[in-house]
């Protein structure tokens, strides 16, 4: 006898991907891997301080895999999930479209000239979405 009092945690076969397939964010939405952000409490060489976020970042410009270390000050205004759980970041063509129907934990902002970024959460994991103004793009960030 099947217990129907609780919803099934089983994912329908049509919604599962095979081992060799990229995730739907890449295959269907066209998002592109940008970096992996890892929170740390260890100071690292070459850190850059981002005052508005109370955050030191390092490693991104030198990592062949796009690993970015993030060291937060106690007063950092960023969401606790971002400060404690590693996140993956994807470059998107349209940030507003990518944010539709998502649980946004850090609203869109501009960490640097020509860049807009936001954080969403999926199953407890923070995901960063980044948009870059292209050199020939007349629209500002």
C-alpha atoms as a PDB file:
ATOM      1  CA  UNK A   1       0.000   0.000   0.000  1.00  0.00           C
ATOM      2  CA  UNK A   2       1.391   3.414  -0.972  1.00  0.00           C
ATOM      3  CA  UNK A   3       1.403   6.230   1.588  1.00  0.00           C
ATOM      4  CA  UNK A   4      -0.227   9.200  -0.153  1.00  0.00           C
ATOM      5  CA  UNK A   5      -0.266  11.457   2.920  1.00  0.00           C
ATOM      6  CA  UNK A   6       3.168  12.846   2.079  1.00  0.00           C
ATOM      7  CA  UNK A   7       4.322  14.190  -1.302  1.00  0.00           C
ATOM      8  CA  UNK A   8       6.828  12.013  -3.086  1.00  0.00           C
ATOM      9  CA  UNK A   9      10.450  13.158  -3.078  1.00  0.00           C
ATOM     10  CA  UNK A  10      11.016  11.160  -6.236  1.00  0.00           C
ATOM     11  CA  UNK A  11      11.920  13.262  -9.287  1.00  0.00           C
ATOM     12  CA  UNK A  12      10.059  12.215 -12.443  1.00  0.00           C
ATOM     13  CA  UNK A  13      12.316  10.455 -14.953  1.00  0.00           C
ATOM     14  CA  UNK A  14      11.636  13.150 -17.563  1.00  0.00           C
ATOM     15  CA  UNK A  15      13.135  15.772 -15.204  1.00  0.00           C
ATOM     16  CA  UNK A  16      16.354  13.874 -14.491  1.00  0.00           C
ATOM     17  CA  UNK A  17      19.540  14.410 -16.463  1.00  0.00           C
ATOM     18  CA  UNK A  18      21.930  11.698 -17.536  1.00  0.00           C
ATOM     19  CA  UNK A  19      25.531  11.596 -16.300  1.00  0.00           C
ATOM     20  CA  UNK A  20      26.918  13.051 -19.536  1.00  0.00           C
ATOM     21  CA  UNK A  21      24.392  15.905 -19.782  1.00  0.00           C
ATOM     22  CA  UNK A  22      25.062  19.449 -18.557  1.00  0.00           C
ATOM     23  CA  UNK A  23      22.636  20.906 -15.997  1.00  0.00           C
ATOM     24  CA  UNK A  24      19.546  22.632 -17.406  1.00  0.00           C
ATOM     25  CA  UNK A  25      20.920  26.065 -16.394  1.00  0.00           C
ATOM     26  CA  UNK A  26      23.565  25.527 -19.065  1.00  0.00           C
ATOM     27  CA  UNK A  27      21.771  23.285 -21.582  1.00  0.00           C
ATOM     28  CA  UNK A  28      18.375  25.020 -21.605  1.00  0.00           C
ATOM     29  CA  UNK A  29      18.928  28.521 -20.218  1.00  0.00           C
ATOM     30  CA  UNK A  30      22.316  29.207 -21.802  1.00  0.00           C
ATOM     31  CA  UNK A  31      23.977  30.262 -18.528  1.00  0.00           C
ATOM     32  CA  UNK A  32      27.790  30.021 -18.540  1.00  0.00           C
ATOM     33  CA  UNK A  33      30.021  28.921 -15.654  1.00  0.00           C
ATOM     34  CA  UNK A  34      31.930  31.898 -14.236  1.00  0.00           C
ATOM     35  CA  UNK A  35      33.415  30.945 -10.866  1.00  0.00           C
ATOM     36  CA  UNK A  36      33.118  29.021  -7.630  1.00  0.00           C
ATOM     37  CA  UNK A  37      33.091  31.245  -4.532  1.00  0.00           C
ATOM     38  CA  UNK A  38      34.357  29.660  -1.313  1.00  0.00           C
ATOM     39  CA  UNK A  39      33.981  31.361   2.079  1.00  0.00           C
ATOM     40  CA  UNK A  40      37.137  31.310   4.210  1.00  0.00           C
ATOM     41  CA  UNK A  41      38.477  32.866   7.381  1.00  0.00           C
ATOM     42  CA  UNK A  42      42.088  32.660   6.163  1.00  0.00           C
ATOM     43  CA  UNK A  43      43.773  35.787   4.769  1.00  0.00           C
ATOM     44  CA  UNK A  44      45.305  35.041   1.364  1.00  0.00           C
ATOM     45  CA  UNK A  45      47.924  36.830  -0.752  1.00  0.00           C
ATOM     46  CA  UNK A  46      46.576  39.360  -3.247  1.00  0.00           C
ATOM     47  CA  UNK A  47      43.233  39.965  -1.538  1.00  0.00           C
ATOM     48  CA  UNK A  48      41.070  42.777  -2.850  1.00  0.00           C
ATOM     49  CA  UNK A  49      38.820  44.546  -0.364  1.00  0.00           C
ATOM     50  CA  UNK A  50      35.248  45.326  -1.412  1.00  0.00           C
ATOM     51  CA  UNK A  51      34.188  47.868   1.220  1.00  0.00           C
ATOM     52  CA  UNK A  52      30.477  47.956   0.366  1.00  0.00           C
ATOM     53  CA  UNK A  53      30.268  44.211   1.061  1.00  0.00           C
ATOM     54  CA  UNK A  54      32.724  43.981   3.996  1.00  0.00           C
ATOM     55  CA  UNK A  55      34.505  41.342   1.949  1.00  0.00           C
ATOM     56  CA  UNK A  56      38.006  40.392   0.823  1.00  0.00           C
ATOM     57  CA  UNK A  57      38.263  38.362  -2.406  1.00  0.00           C
ATOM     58  CA  UNK A  58      41.260  36.562  -3.842  1.00  0.00           C
ATOM     59  CA  UNK A  59      42.277  33.870  -6.285  1.00  0.00           C
ATOM     60  CA  UNK A  60      39.811  34.555  -9.059  1.00  0.00           C
ATOM     61  CA  UNK A  61      42.229  36.254 -11.450  1.00  0.00           C
ATOM     62  CA  UNK A  62      44.867  33.546 -11.036  1.00  0.00           C
ATOM     63  CA  UNK A  63      42.818  30.357 -10.700  1.00  0.00           C
ATOM     64  CA  UNK A  64      42.687  28.248 -13.871  1.00  0.00           C
ATOM     65  CA  UNK A  65      39.365  26.863 -12.585  1.00  0.00           C
ATOM     66  CA  UNK A  66      37.699  30.108 -11.512  1.00  0.00           C
ATOM     67  CA  UNK A  67      38.018  29.536  -7.762  1.00  0.00           C
ATOM     68  CA  UNK A  68      37.454  32.706  -5.727  1.00  0.00           C
ATOM     69  CA  UNK A  69      38.137  32.849  -1.988  1.00  0.00           C
ATOM     70  CA  UNK A  70      35.898  35.152   0.049  1.00  0.00           C
ATOM     71  CA  UNK A  71      36.806  36.378   3.541  1.00  0.00           C
ATOM     72  CA  UNK A  72      34.078  38.340   5.297  1.00  0.00           C
ATOM     73  CA  UNK A  73      34.275  40.974   8.000  1.00  0.00           C
ATOM     74  CA  UNK A  74      31.845  40.594  10.909  1.00  0.00           C
ATOM     75  CA  UNK A  75      29.819  43.602   9.736  1.00  0.00           C
ATOM     76  CA  UNK A  76      29.397  42.291   6.166  1.00  0.00           C
ATOM     77  CA  UNK A  77      25.800  42.990   5.061  1.00  0.00           C
ATOM     78  CA  UNK A  78      25.680  39.935   2.776  1.00  0.00           C
ATOM     79  CA  UNK A  79      23.242  37.102   3.435  1.00  0.00           C
ATOM     80  CA  UNK A  80      24.436  34.529   5.988  1.00  0.00           C
ATOM     81  CA  UNK A  81      24.142  31.741   3.393  1.00  0.00           C
ATOM     82  CA  UNK A  82      26.608  33.553   1.100  1.00  0.00           C
ATOM     83  CA  UNK A  83      29.029  33.964   4.015  1.00  0.00           C
ATOM     84  CA  UNK A  84      28.923  30.296   5.033  1.00  0.00           C
ATOM     85  CA  UNK A  85      28.184  28.096   2.001  1.00  0.00           C
ATOM     86  CA  UNK A  86      30.213  27.934  -1.243  1.00  0.00           C
ATOM     87  CA  UNK A  87      28.390  29.256  -4.288  1.00  0.00           C
ATOM     88  CA  UNK A  88      28.614  28.712  -8.016  1.00  0.00           C
ATOM     89  CA  UNK A  89      28.331  31.715 -10.313  1.00  0.00           C
ATOM     90  CA  UNK A  90      26.920  31.815 -13.821  1.00  0.00           C
ATOM     91  CA  UNK A  91      27.162  34.572 -16.411  1.00  0.00           C
ATOM     92  CA  UNK A  92      23.754  35.390 -17.875  1.00  0.00           C
ATOM     93  CA  UNK A  93      22.707  37.469 -20.878  1.00  0.00           C
ATOM     94  CA  UNK A  94      19.761  39.143 -19.098  1.00  0.00           C
ATOM     95  CA  UNK A  95      19.856  39.378 -15.305  1.00  0.00           C
ATOM     96  CA  UNK A  96      16.219  40.418 -14.921  1.00  0.00           C
ATOM     97  CA  UNK A  97      14.996  37.473 -16.985  1.00  0.00           C
ATOM     98  CA  UNK A  98      17.282  35.059 -15.102  1.00  0.00           C
ATOM     99  CA  UNK A  99      15.875  36.288 -11.762  1.00  0.00           C
ATOM    100  CA  UNK A 100      12.248  35.668 -12.707  1.00  0.00           C
ATOM    101  CA  UNK A 101      10.607  33.058 -10.452  1.00  0.00           C
ATOM    102  CA  UNK A 102      13.790  32.720  -8.367  1.00  0.00           C
ATOM    103  CA  UNK A 103      14.236  33.109  -4.604  1.00  0.00           C
ATOM    104  CA  UNK A 104      16.507  36.165  -4.492  1.00  0.00           C
ATOM    105  CA  UNK A 105      18.655  36.476  -1.352  1.00  0.00           C
ATOM    106  CA  UNK A 106      20.860  39.372  -2.540  1.00  0.00           C
ATOM    107  CA  UNK A 107      19.132  41.775  -4.930  1.00  0.00           C
ATOM    108  CA  UNK A 108      20.843  43.015  -8.090  1.00  0.00           C
ATOM    109  CA  UNK A 109      23.724  45.360  -7.470  1.00  0.00           C
ATOM    110  CA  UNK A 110      26.911  46.524  -9.114  1.00  0.00           C
ATOM    111  CA  UNK A 111      30.095  45.248  -7.448  1.00  0.00           C
ATOM    112  CA  UNK A 112      32.200  46.996 -10.103  1.00  0.00           C
ATOM    113  CA  UNK A 113      31.891  49.099 -13.273  1.00  0.00           C
ATOM    114  CA  UNK A 114      29.962  47.308 -16.021  1.00  0.00           C
ATOM    115  CA  UNK A 115      28.899  44.398 -13.785  1.00  0.00           C
ATOM    116  CA  UNK A 116      25.543  43.559 -12.230  1.00  0.00           C
ATOM    117  CA  UNK A 117      25.085  40.584  -9.958  1.00  0.00           C
ATOM    118  CA  UNK A 118      22.478  38.991  -7.702  1.00  0.00           C
ATOM    119  CA  UNK A 119      22.278  35.883  -5.546  1.00  0.00           C
ATOM    120  CA  UNK A 120      19.501  33.320  -5.565  1.00  0.00           C
ATOM    121  CA  UNK A 121      19.086  30.184  -3.507  1.00  0.00           C
ATOM    122  CA  UNK A 122      18.207  26.722  -4.805  1.00  0.00           C
ATOM    123  CA  UNK A 123      17.736  23.813  -2.394  1.00  0.00           C
ATOM    124  CA  UNK A 124      19.803  25.639   0.235  1.00  0.00           C
ATOM    125  CA  UNK A 125      22.662  26.441  -2.126  1.00  0.00           C
ATOM    126  CA  UNK A 126      23.525  30.033  -3.053  1.00  0.00           C
ATOM    127  CA  UNK A 127      23.838  30.700  -6.790  1.00  0.00           C
ATOM    128  CA  UNK A 128      25.282  33.942  -8.152  1.00  0.00           C
ATOM    129  CA  UNK A 129      24.015  35.343 -11.441  1.00  0.00           C
ATOM    130  CA  UNK A 130      26.275  37.864 -13.176  1.00  0.00           C
ATOM    131  CA  UNK A 131      25.722  40.132 -16.151  1.00  0.00           C
ATOM    132  CA  UNK A 132      28.570  41.994 -17.863  1.00  0.00           C
ATOM    133  CA  UNK A 133      28.144  45.067 -20.041  1.00  0.00           C
ATOM    134  CA  UNK A 134      29.718  44.226 -23.358  1.00  0.00           C
ATOM    135  CA  UNK A 135      32.080  46.812 -24.840  1.00  0.00           C
ATOM    136  CA  UNK A 136      29.660  47.536 -27.672  1.00  0.00           C
ATOM    137  CA  UNK A 137      26.638  47.627 -25.323  1.00  0.00           C
ATOM    138  CA  UNK A 138      25.326  51.196 -24.961  1.00  0.00           C
ATOM    139  CA  UNK A 139      23.243  50.331 -21.866  1.00  0.00           C
ATOM    140  CA  UNK A 140      24.871  51.107 -18.526  1.00  0.00           C
ATOM    141  CA  UNK A 141      25.164  48.837 -15.523  1.00  0.00           C
END
